[in-house]
Each structure stands twice: as C-alpha cells, then as structure tokens.
Amino acid sequence: MKYDKDDKLIAGVYKMVGYSVRVLAVLMLFVILMGVVDVGWTLYQKLLAPPRFILTISDMLATFGAFMAVLIAIEILINITIYLNEKVIHVKIVMATALMAIARKVIILDFDTIEPSYVYGIAAVTIAMSAGYWLVHKTPKGSEDD
C-alpha cells in the first residue's frame, strides 16, 4: 500500500486498520479455541449417547462439519496473519479457504432434504472456484499478487 508519508490522515487510517486486523486475529484465535472445545464436546456427547461408543453416519457427518469449520477458521487466521506480515491479501490462500468452505458444505449436505437446483448451484460454485484456483496457481510468478 503506497501513500504519501506526509499525509497524516492516511497514515492514521492505515495504523487503525493494522490495529483492527490484530484485534480480528485475537478474536479468530478465540473462535478457533471455542470450535475445538465444541468438536470435543460434540464427539463426547455422540460417543456417550446410546448406542454407546458408536458413531452413526449422521454423527460422523456432524463431526466432520465441525472439524471443517475449525479448519476454515484456522485458514482465515492464516489469512489475517499473512496480511499483518505482508500487508497484502494473497488470492491463492483466500481461494483455498473458499474451496475448503465449499468442501465442508458438500460434506454435510443432506441429499434427502435439499432441492436439485441447490446441488447444481453448489456444483457450479465448486467448479468455478476450482478453475479459478487452478488459474491462479498456474499464473507465472511476478504477474500476480500472490
């Protein structure tokens, strides 16, 4: 980010953005820790519910969804820390996070209750994000922001 170093207003704005991003990083860490506690608690409850120490398919899908949510939060924290260190948003990392989020959605889909158009929409988003990620990944170094 380039700005006139003599412009105190702009410098102050960027300083406040930096502080805000730091606060977001701390809050995201809190969200991750609470997510880990939630995954542990959910797994504990599922294992103690009858039949004991058995996870049904729906239990596993719910647990996978909770795991993926925590992993997505971790990816977002990584995005925040990279922004703090380099002052730039890396498109490849953001797209990888979005792909992980859409994968989570696919994993927890209940095909008995959703409309076919919703599945087509998810498929279109998945294909578009995958193609976009591939294109960003194949972009030669030096011609991208990543």
C-alpha atoms as a PDB file:
ATOM      1  CA  MET A   1       0.000   0.000   0.000  1.00  0.00           C
ATOM      2  CA  LYS A   2       1.556   3.217  -1.134  1.00  0.00           C
ATOM      3  CA  TYR A   3       0.564   6.565   0.230  1.00  0.00           C
ATOM      4  CA  ASP A   4       2.105   9.954   0.759  1.00  0.00           C
ATOM      5  CA  LYS A   5       4.066   9.635   4.010  1.00  0.00           C
ATOM      6  CA  ASP A   6       3.321  13.293   4.772  1.00  0.00           C
ATOM      7  CA  ASP A   7      -0.431  12.673   4.767  1.00  0.00           C
ATOM      8  CA  LYS A   8      -1.138  12.093   8.470  1.00  0.00           C
ATOM      9  CA  LEU A   9      -4.781  11.202   7.925  1.00  0.00           C
ATOM     10  CA  ILE A  10      -3.992   8.337   5.568  1.00  0.00           C
ATOM     11  CA  ALA A  11      -1.157   7.170   7.828  1.00  0.00           C
ATOM     12  CA  GLY A  12      -3.561   7.182  10.774  1.00  0.00           C
ATOM     13  CA  VAL A  13      -6.161   5.252   8.818  1.00  0.00           C
ATOM     14  CA  TYR A  14      -3.623   2.546   7.928  1.00  0.00           C
ATOM     15  CA  LYS A  15      -2.470   2.384  11.543  1.00  0.00           C
ATOM     16  CA  MET A  16      -6.071   1.872  12.708  1.00  0.00           C
ATOM     17  CA  VAL A  17      -6.565  -0.826  10.078  1.00  0.00           C
ATOM     18  CA  GLY A  18      -3.447  -2.560  11.425  1.00  0.00           C
ATOM     19  CA  TYR A  19      -4.822  -2.444  14.979  1.00  0.00           C
ATOM     20  CA  SER A  20      -8.190  -3.702  13.769  1.00  0.00           C
ATOM     21  CA  VAL A  21      -6.589  -6.647  11.983  1.00  0.00           C
ATOM     22  CA  ARG A  22      -4.684  -7.520  15.175  1.00  0.00           C
ATOM     23  CA  VAL A  23      -7.937  -7.490  17.138  1.00  0.00           C
ATOM     24  CA  LEU A  24      -9.509  -9.725  14.485  1.00  0.00           C
ATOM     25  CA  ALA A  25      -6.586 -12.154  14.820  1.00  0.00           C
ATOM     26  CA  VAL A  26      -7.097 -12.413  18.588  1.00  0.00           C
ATOM     27  CA  LEU A  27     -10.852 -12.867  18.152  1.00  0.00           C
ATOM     28  CA  MET A  28     -10.294 -15.528  15.485  1.00  0.00           C
ATOM     29  CA  LEU A  29      -7.962 -17.383  17.844  1.00  0.00           C
ATOM     30  CA  PHE A  30     -10.755 -17.330  20.426  1.00  0.00           C
ATOM     31  CA  VAL A  31     -13.211 -18.677  17.825  1.00  0.00           C
ATOM     32  CA  ILE A  32     -10.765 -21.488  16.947  1.00  0.00           C
ATOM     33  CA  LEU A  33     -10.296 -22.468  20.575  1.00  0.00           C
ATOM     34  CA  MET A  34     -14.051 -22.487  21.162  1.00  0.00           C
ATOM     35  CA  GLY A  35     -14.501 -24.507  17.971  1.00  0.00           C
ATOM     36  CA  VAL A  36     -12.022 -27.126  19.223  1.00  0.00           C
ATOM     37  CA  VAL A  37     -13.897 -27.287  22.543  1.00  0.00           C
ATOM     38  CA  ASP A  38     -17.169 -27.671  20.612  1.00  0.00           C
ATOM     39  CA  VAL A  39     -15.767 -30.501  18.466  1.00  0.00           C
ATOM     40  CA  GLY A  40     -14.541 -32.290  21.589  1.00  0.00           C
ATOM     41  CA  TRP A  41     -17.838 -31.775  23.405  1.00  0.00           C
ATOM     42  CA  THR A  42     -19.898 -32.894  20.410  1.00  0.00           C
ATOM     43  CA  LEU A  43     -17.778 -36.014  19.967  1.00  0.00           C
ATOM     44  CA  TYR A  44     -18.021 -36.772  23.700  1.00  0.00           C
ATOM     45  CA  GLN A  45     -21.820 -36.454  23.633  1.00  0.00           C
ATOM     46  CA  LYS A  46     -22.151 -38.587  20.494  1.00  0.00           C
ATOM     47  CA  LEU A  47     -19.987 -41.332  21.975  1.00  0.00           C
ATOM     48  CA  LEU A  48     -21.956 -41.458  25.229  1.00  0.00           C
ATOM     49  CA  ALA A  49     -25.408 -41.429  23.599  1.00  0.00           C
ATOM     50  CA  PRO A  50     -26.983 -44.853  23.009  1.00  0.00           C
ATOM     51  CA  PRO A  51     -25.621 -46.951  21.419  1.00  0.00           C
ATOM     52  CA  ARG A  52     -22.536 -46.058  23.435  1.00  0.00           C
ATOM     53  CA  PHE A  53     -19.145 -45.648  21.761  1.00  0.00           C
ATOM     54  CA  ILE A  54     -20.713 -45.989  18.321  1.00  0.00           C
ATOM     55  CA  LEU A  55     -20.830 -43.161  15.800  1.00  0.00           C
ATOM     56  CA  THR A  56     -23.588 -43.300  13.216  1.00  0.00           C
ATOM     57  CA  ILE A  57     -23.098 -41.879   9.744  1.00  0.00           C
ATOM     58  CA  SER A  58     -25.057 -38.739  10.684  1.00  0.00           C
ATOM     59  CA  ASP A  59     -22.894 -38.377  13.827  1.00  0.00           C
ATOM     60  CA  MET A  60     -19.741 -38.639  11.730  1.00  0.00           C
ATOM     61  CA  LEU A  61     -21.046 -36.098   9.202  1.00  0.00           C
ATOM     62  CA  ALA A  62     -21.886 -33.651  12.001  1.00  0.00           C
ATOM     63  CA  THR A  63     -18.422 -34.171  13.485  1.00  0.00           C
ATOM     64  CA  PHE A  64     -16.768 -33.723  10.078  1.00  0.00           C
ATOM     65  CA  GLY A  65     -18.697 -30.493   9.614  1.00  0.00           C
ATOM     66  CA  ALA A  66     -17.497 -29.211  12.990  1.00  0.00           C
ATOM     67  CA  PHE A  67     -13.887 -30.207  12.173  1.00  0.00           C
ATOM     68  CA  MET A  68     -14.061 -28.451   8.814  1.00  0.00           C
ATOM     69  CA  ALA A  69     -15.475 -25.305  10.422  1.00  0.00           C
ATOM     70  CA  VAL A  70     -12.461 -25.185  12.759  1.00  0.00           C
ATOM     71  CA  LEU A  71     -10.083 -25.782   9.852  1.00  0.00           C
ATOM     72  CA  ILE A  72     -11.724 -22.950   7.904  1.00  0.00           C
ATOM     73  CA  ALA A  73     -11.298 -20.671  10.930  1.00  0.00           C
ATOM     74  CA  ILE A  74      -7.616 -21.644  11.050  1.00  0.00           C
ATOM     75  CA  GLU A  75      -7.267 -20.780   7.356  1.00  0.00           C
ATOM     76  CA  ILE A  76      -8.880 -17.402   7.987  1.00  0.00           C
ATOM     77  CA  LEU A  77      -6.435 -16.793  10.857  1.00  0.00           C
ATOM     78  CA  ILE A  78      -3.582 -17.649   8.496  1.00  0.00           C
ATOM     79  CA  ASN A  79      -5.002 -15.117   6.001  1.00  0.00           C
ATOM     80  CA  ILE A  80      -5.090 -12.492   8.752  1.00  0.00           C
ATOM     81  CA  THR A  81      -1.524 -13.164   9.902  1.00  0.00           C
ATOM     82  CA  ILE A  82      -0.212 -13.071   6.332  1.00  0.00           C
ATOM     83  CA  TYR A  83      -1.959  -9.737   5.862  1.00  0.00           C
ATOM     84  CA  LEU A  84      -0.347  -8.459   9.083  1.00  0.00           C
ATOM     85  CA  ASN A  85       3.119  -9.545   7.933  1.00  0.00           C
ATOM     86  CA  GLU A  86       2.964  -8.584   4.264  1.00  0.00           C
ATOM     87  CA  LYS A  87       0.124  -6.021   4.029  1.00  0.00           C
ATOM     88  CA  VAL A  88      -1.309  -7.849   1.040  1.00  0.00           C
ATOM     89  CA  ILE A  89      -4.169 -10.297   0.569  1.00  0.00           C
ATOM     90  CA  HIS A  90      -2.996 -13.458  -1.190  1.00  0.00           C
ATOM     91  CA  VAL A  91      -5.609 -14.529  -3.696  1.00  0.00           C
ATOM     92  CA  LYS A  92      -4.437 -18.143  -3.730  1.00  0.00           C
ATOM     93  CA  ILE A  93      -4.858 -18.536   0.034  1.00  0.00           C
ATOM     94  CA  VAL A  94      -8.267 -16.865   0.025  1.00  0.00           C
ATOM     95  CA  MET A  95      -9.402 -19.146  -2.804  1.00  0.00           C
ATOM     96  CA  ALA A  96      -8.068 -22.211  -0.976  1.00  0.00           C
ATOM     97  CA  THR A  97     -10.081 -21.149   2.075  1.00  0.00           C
ATOM     98  CA  ALA A  98     -13.189 -20.737  -0.074  1.00  0.00           C
ATOM     99  CA  LEU A  99     -12.626 -24.184  -1.584  1.00  0.00           C
ATOM    100  CA  MET A 100     -12.355 -25.644   1.913  1.00  0.00           C
ATOM    101  CA  ALA A 101     -15.612 -23.911   2.876  1.00  0.00           C
ATOM    102  CA  ILE A 102     -17.440 -25.269  -0.158  1.00  0.00           C
ATOM    103  CA  ALA A 103     -15.987 -28.733   0.529  1.00  0.00           C
ATOM    104  CA  ARG A 104     -17.372 -28.512   4.076  1.00  0.00           C
ATOM    105  CA  LYS A 105     -20.768 -27.658   2.631  1.00  0.00           C
ATOM    106  CA  VAL A 106     -20.620 -30.649   0.283  1.00  0.00           C
ATOM    107  CA  ILE A 107     -19.606 -32.975   3.120  1.00  0.00           C
ATOM    108  CA  ILE A 108     -22.557 -32.001   5.318  1.00  0.00           C
ATOM    109  CA  LEU A 109     -25.217 -31.878   2.578  1.00  0.00           C
ATOM    110  CA  ASP A 110     -28.335 -33.884   3.359  1.00  0.00           C
ATOM    111  CA  PHE A 111     -29.436 -35.012  -0.076  1.00  0.00           C
ATOM    112  CA  ASP A 112     -32.819 -36.123   1.277  1.00  0.00           C
ATOM    113  CA  THR A 113     -33.873 -32.573   2.132  1.00  0.00           C
ATOM    114  CA  ILE A 114     -32.335 -30.287  -0.495  1.00  0.00           C
ATOM    115  CA  GLU A 115     -33.582 -29.299  -3.920  1.00  0.00           C
ATOM    116  CA  PRO A 116     -31.714 -30.423  -7.052  1.00  0.00           C
ATOM    117  CA  SER A 117     -31.176 -26.773  -8.029  1.00  0.00           C
ATOM    118  CA  TYR A 118     -29.218 -26.274  -4.780  1.00  0.00           C
ATOM    119  CA  VAL A 119     -26.938 -29.186  -5.693  1.00  0.00           C
ATOM    120  CA  TYR A 120     -26.425 -27.716  -9.165  1.00  0.00           C
ATOM    121  CA  GLY A 121     -25.569 -24.361  -7.589  1.00  0.00           C
ATOM    122  CA  ILE A 122     -23.040 -25.958  -5.238  1.00  0.00           C
ATOM    123  CA  ALA A 123     -21.562 -27.852  -8.191  1.00  0.00           C
ATOM    124  CA  ALA A 124     -21.260 -24.644 -10.231  1.00  0.00           C
ATOM    125  CA  VAL A 125     -19.561 -22.809  -7.340  1.00  0.00           C
ATOM    126  CA  THR A 126     -17.199 -25.740  -6.778  1.00  0.00           C
ATOM    127  CA  ILE A 127     -16.236 -25.914 -10.451  1.00  0.00           C
ATOM    128  CA  ALA A 128     -15.801 -22.130 -10.694  1.00  0.00           C
ATOM    129  CA  MET A 129     -13.665 -21.952  -7.526  1.00  0.00           C
ATOM    130  CA  SER A 130     -11.580 -24.928  -8.623  1.00  0.00           C
ATOM    131  CA  ALA A 131     -10.987 -23.426 -12.055  1.00  0.00           C
ATOM    132  CA  GLY A 132     -10.139 -20.070 -10.513  1.00  0.00           C
ATOM    133  CA  TYR A 133      -7.717 -21.671  -8.065  1.00  0.00           C
ATOM    134  CA  TRP A 134      -6.083 -23.626 -10.878  1.00  0.00           C
ATOM    135  CA  LEU A 135      -5.704 -20.450 -12.950  1.00  0.00           C
ATOM    136  CA  VAL A 136      -4.201 -18.530 -10.032  1.00  0.00           C
ATOM    137  CA  HIS A 137      -1.894 -21.441  -9.279  1.00  0.00           C
ATOM    138  CA  LYS A 138      -0.727 -21.597 -12.904  1.00  0.00           C
ATOM    139  CA  THR A 139      -0.121 -17.849 -13.175  1.00  0.00           C
ATOM    140  CA  PRO A 140       3.617 -17.241 -13.617  1.00  0.00           C
ATOM    141  CA  LYS A 141       5.415 -15.681 -10.652  1.00  0.00           C
ATOM    142  CA  GLY A 142       5.742 -11.926 -10.853  1.00  0.00           C
ATOM    143  CA  SER A 143       2.450 -11.382 -12.657  1.00  0.00           C
ATOM    144  CA  GLU A 144       0.201 -11.949  -9.642  1.00  0.00           C
ATOM    145  CA  ASP A 145      -0.305 -10.554  -6.163  1.00  0.00           C
ATOM    146  CA  ASP A 146       0.403 -13.936  -4.521  1.00  0.00           C
END
